[in-house]
Protein backbone atom coordinates (compact mmCIF):
# COMPACT_ATOMS: atom_id res chain seq x y z
CA MET A 1 88.18 107.50 91.26
CA LYS A 2 88.60 109.19 88.04
CA ASP A 3 91.61 108.41 86.16
CA ASN A 4 93.10 111.97 86.07
CA SER A 5 93.09 111.79 89.46
CA LYS A 6 95.04 108.27 89.48
CA SER A 7 97.48 109.87 87.17
CA GLU A 8 98.19 112.98 89.44
CA PHE A 9 98.50 110.50 92.80
CA LEU A 10 100.82 108.00 90.27
CA LYS A 11 103.28 110.73 89.40
CA ARG A 12 103.90 111.41 93.00
CA THR A 13 104.87 107.88 93.75
CA LEU A 14 108.58 107.60 93.51
CA LEU A 15 108.48 104.13 91.51
CA PHE A 16 106.72 105.73 88.92
CA SER A 17 108.18 109.35 88.96
CA SER A 18 109.80 108.92 86.02
CA LEU A 19 107.05 108.08 83.43
CA THR A 20 105.83 110.40 80.97
CA ASP A 21 102.28 111.63 81.18
CA LYS A 22 101.25 108.94 78.75
CA GLU A 23 103.08 106.47 80.31
CA ILE A 24 101.28 107.06 83.57
CA GLU A 25 98.08 107.34 81.67
CA GLN A 26 98.42 103.56 80.04
CA LEU A 27 99.43 102.44 83.87
CA THR A 28 96.13 104.14 85.21
CA ASN A 29 94.19 101.82 82.84
CA ASN A 30 95.23 98.95 84.96
CA LEU A 31 94.58 99.85 88.27
CA LEU A 32 92.06 98.96 90.45
CA VAL A 33 91.52 101.24 93.54
CA LYS A 34 90.09 100.32 96.53
CA GLN A 35 89.50 101.85 100.00
CA PHE A 36 90.71 100.81 103.64
CA LYS A 37 89.22 101.74 106.71
CA LYS A 38 91.66 102.39 109.81
CA ASN A 39 92.74 98.94 111.54
CA GLU A 40 91.72 96.91 108.27
CA THR A 41 94.06 94.38 107.17
CA ILE A 42 95.21 94.88 103.76
CA LEU A 43 97.61 91.66 103.53
CA TYR A 44 97.97 89.09 105.73
CA GLU A 45 101.29 87.55 106.86
CA GLU A 46 102.15 84.29 104.71
CA ASP A 47 99.15 84.89 102.21
CA THR A 48 101.10 84.63 98.89
CA SER A 49 100.20 87.94 97.26
CA GLU A 50 99.24 88.41 93.56
CA PHE A 51 99.07 91.92 93.62
CA MET A 52 101.16 95.18 94.40
CA TYR A 53 99.67 97.83 96.54
CA ILE A 54 100.24 101.44 96.09
CA ILE A 55 99.06 103.97 98.76
CA LEU A 56 97.47 106.80 97.27
CA LEU A 57 96.00 108.69 100.34
CA GLY A 58 96.57 107.49 103.92
CA LYS A 59 99.26 105.43 105.93
CA VAL A 60 99.78 101.77 106.50
CA LYS A 61 101.95 99.49 108.92
CA ALA A 62 103.71 96.21 108.08
CA VAL A 63 103.85 94.40 111.41
CA ARG A 64 104.83 90.60 112.64
CA SER A 65 103.81 89.63 116.11
CA THR A 66 106.52 87.79 118.54
CA GLU A 67 105.58 84.59 120.17
CA GLU A 68 104.78 86.44 123.34
CA GLY A 69 102.15 88.51 121.21
CA LYS A 70 103.51 91.24 121.16
CA GLU A 71 103.14 93.43 117.89
CA ILE A 72 106.45 94.80 116.12
CA ILE A 73 106.08 97.42 113.56
CA LEU A 74 108.74 96.73 110.74
CA ALA A 75 107.89 99.69 108.29
CA VAL A 76 105.62 102.45 108.16
CA HIS A 77 104.20 103.36 104.83
CA GLN A 78 102.79 106.51 103.47
CA ALA A 79 101.08 108.13 100.48
CA GLY A 80 103.27 107.67 97.22
CA GLU A 81 105.11 104.42 98.72
CA PHE A 82 104.16 100.76 98.08
CA PHE A 83 104.40 97.40 99.18
CA GLY A 84 103.70 93.68 98.40
CA GLU A 85 106.33 93.72 95.05
CA MET A 86 108.41 90.60 97.35
CA SER A 87 105.78 88.44 96.60
CA LEU A 88 105.37 89.33 92.95
CA ILE A 89 109.16 88.87 92.52
CA ASP A 90 109.88 85.43 94.55
CA GLY A 91 106.54 83.94 94.74
CA LYS A 92 107.20 83.25 98.47
CA THR A 93 104.49 84.28 101.35
CA THR A 94 104.15 87.59 102.66
CA PRO A 95 106.92 88.11 105.45
CA ALA A 96 104.35 90.60 107.49
CA SER A 97 100.96 91.71 107.95
CA VAL A 98 100.02 95.24 106.15
CA ILE A 99 97.32 97.34 108.10
CA ALA A 100 95.60 100.50 107.76
CA THR A 101 96.30 103.00 110.40
CA GLU A 102 94.09 105.72 109.23
CA ASN A 103 91.63 105.48 106.14
CA SER A 104 93.40 104.86 103.42
CA LEU A 105 93.00 104.60 99.43
CA VAL A 106 95.26 101.99 97.85
CA ALA A 107 95.68 101.05 94.07
CA ILE A 108 96.00 97.80 93.10
CA ILE A 109 98.27 96.11 90.33
CA SER A 110 98.15 92.52 89.13
CA LYS A 111 101.55 90.35 88.85
CA LYS A 112 100.51 90.33 84.91
CA ASP A 113 100.63 94.04 84.45
CA PHE A 114 103.33 94.47 87.48
CA TYR A 115 105.76 92.90 84.86
CA SER A 116 104.67 94.24 81.71
CA ASN A 117 105.36 97.55 83.11
CA LEU A 118 108.71 96.68 84.52
CA LEU A 119 109.63 95.02 81.27
CA VAL A 120 108.44 97.99 79.06
CA HIS A 121 109.92 100.58 81.16
CA GLN A 122 113.57 100.52 82.45
CA LYS A 123 113.05 103.44 84.63
CA VAL A 124 110.73 101.55 86.58
CA SER A 125 113.13 98.72 86.81
CA LEU A 126 115.99 100.85 87.90
CA SER A 127 113.58 102.62 90.49
CA LEU A 128 112.40 99.17 92.13
CA LEU A 129 116.13 98.03 92.56
CA LYS A 130 116.96 101.16 94.04
CA ILE A 131 113.99 101.32 96.86
CA MET A 132 114.71 97.85 97.73
CA CYS A 133 118.10 98.30 98.48
CA SER A 134 117.18 101.12 100.52
CA ARG A 135 114.75 98.83 102.29
CA LEU A 136 117.53 96.25 102.75
CA ARG A 137 119.38 98.93 104.65
CA LYS A 138 116.74 99.45 106.77
CA CYS A 139 116.54 95.88 107.75
CA TRP A 140 120.02 95.98 108.73
CA ASP A 141 119.63 99.30 110.60
CA THR A 142 116.62 97.50 112.40
CA ILE A 143 118.80 94.60 113.61
CA GLN A 144 121.41 97.19 114.76
CA LEU A 145 118.57 98.96 116.79
CA LEU A 146 117.04 95.65 118.60
CA ASN A 147 120.62 94.86 119.36
CA PHE A 148 120.80 97.88 121.90
CA ASN A 149 119.71 97.19 125.51
CA HIS A 150 119.45 100.67 126.47
CA ALA A 151 116.09 102.08 125.81
CA ALA A 152 117.32 105.60 125.28
CA GLN A 153 119.73 104.25 122.42
CA ARG A 154 116.79 102.13 120.76
CA THR A 155 114.78 105.37 120.65
CA LYS A 156 117.47 107.52 119.28
CA MET A 157 118.69 105.06 116.56
CA LEU A 158 114.84 104.80 115.68
CA PHE A 159 114.42 108.84 115.12
CA LEU A 160 117.97 108.62 113.17
CA MET A 161 116.74 105.74 110.68
CA LEU A 162 113.38 107.77 110.39
CA SER A 163 115.03 111.21 109.51
CA ASP A 164 116.99 109.19 106.83
CA GLU A 165 113.34 109.03 105.20
CA TYR A 166 110.99 111.61 106.89
CA GLY A 167 113.51 114.43 107.98
CA ARG A 168 112.98 117.68 106.80
CA LYS A 169 115.81 120.13 107.62
CA THR A 170 115.12 123.43 109.23
CA ASP A 171 117.04 126.21 110.62
CA THR A 172 116.91 124.95 114.29
CA GLY A 173 117.53 121.02 113.24
CA ILE A 174 115.49 118.48 111.74
CA THR A 175 111.66 117.55 111.77
CA LEU A 176 110.36 113.98 111.48
CA ASN A 177 107.77 114.45 108.88
CA ILE A 178 105.52 111.53 110.18
CA LYS A 179 103.02 111.22 112.82
CA LEU A 180 104.17 108.96 115.67
CA THR A 181 102.29 107.94 118.65
CA HIS A 182 104.18 106.69 121.70
CA GLN A 183 102.68 103.33 120.90
CA ASP A 184 104.02 103.79 117.30
CA ILE A 185 107.49 104.42 118.91
CA ALA A 186 107.17 101.39 121.23
CA ASP A 187 106.31 98.93 118.38
CA MET A 188 108.82 100.26 115.96
CA ALA A 189 111.54 99.83 118.83
CA GLY A 190 110.50 96.96 120.94
CA LEU A 191 109.56 98.68 123.86
CA THR A 192 106.42 99.37 125.94
CA ARG A 193 104.75 102.45 125.55
CA GLU A 194 105.37 103.09 129.09
CA THR A 195 108.86 103.10 128.78
CA VAL A 196 108.69 105.17 125.71
CA THR A 197 106.57 107.97 127.27
CA ARG A 198 109.59 107.75 130.07
CA VAL A 199 112.38 108.34 127.30
CA LEU A 200 110.70 111.23 125.29
CA ASP A 201 109.92 112.97 128.49
CA LYS A 202 113.74 112.75 129.30
CA LEU A 203 114.80 113.48 125.77
CA GLN A 204 112.21 116.74 126.17
CA LYS A 205 113.53 117.81 129.44
CA ASP A 206 117.25 117.78 128.10
CA LYS A 207 116.12 119.69 125.01
CA GLU A 208 117.26 117.11 122.31
CA ILE A 209 113.64 116.70 121.05
CA THR A 210 110.88 118.77 120.79
CA ILE A 211 107.35 117.31 120.31
CA LEU A 212 105.40 119.50 117.83
CA GLU A 213 101.50 119.74 116.70
CA LYS A 214 99.98 116.39 115.00
CA LYS A 215 102.51 114.40 117.09
CA PHE A 216 105.37 115.51 114.80
CA ILE A 217 109.06 114.95 116.49
CA HIS A 218 111.75 118.00 115.90
CA LEU A 219 115.27 117.13 116.52
CA ASN A 220 117.25 119.66 118.07
CA PRO A 221 120.56 120.99 117.11
CA VAL A 222 121.76 118.95 120.55
CA PHE A 223 120.19 115.59 119.44
CA MET A 224 122.01 115.44 116.41
CA GLN A 225 125.48 116.60 117.91
CA LYS A 226 125.41 114.01 120.40
CA GLU A 227 124.31 111.29 118.19
CA LEU A 228 126.33 111.83 115.15
CA ASN A 229 128.82 114.53 116.26
CA ILE A 230 127.99 116.82 112.84
CA LYS A 231 126.41 120.25 113.06
CA ILE A 232 123.06 121.25 111.78
């Protein structure tokens, strides 16, 4: 990949969006770009990573397996997002495996360069702190979600969580700007795919959601009013 292409991708990354063109160019010189095929594991659980990964194109999922062998999706990261920074900061093993859910292009930055950029650019440090605080809040929401016994409650809570990050407001509600299969939703909410299908069918019948093209989900006003008691 050409350096100017790397720079354009990095400018869209929240972590580095505050940097100047010159600072972005300096960072680009320290990046290795690698392609990962769909379903290829990028980072294994319990590995001690020496790198941070920035998604330039594609989408990945962070997953853990239960004792019963069920896969739980802890997070989904799309282009412009990153992962692997926790191991660089505390030196501990990776808490989840990261797998490409579609063909992806990933920039890799070493631990040495990671710290060099944090120390040199205070703006990057502040951005990192804000992003990590946001991820911590999501973890709290996930714990709350998994405490729900009712499948419909879990599914609705998941949609509300996703709307904070991927929601795009329209005149008729909020569209989740992330492609979700029934299996994706099941893995995120700790449910079976069959249960998710039944829940989604009921939500569509009640006109709370609309399934759009390319698996995007639209939360209709009635959904938001029931869950948040607010007007869109």
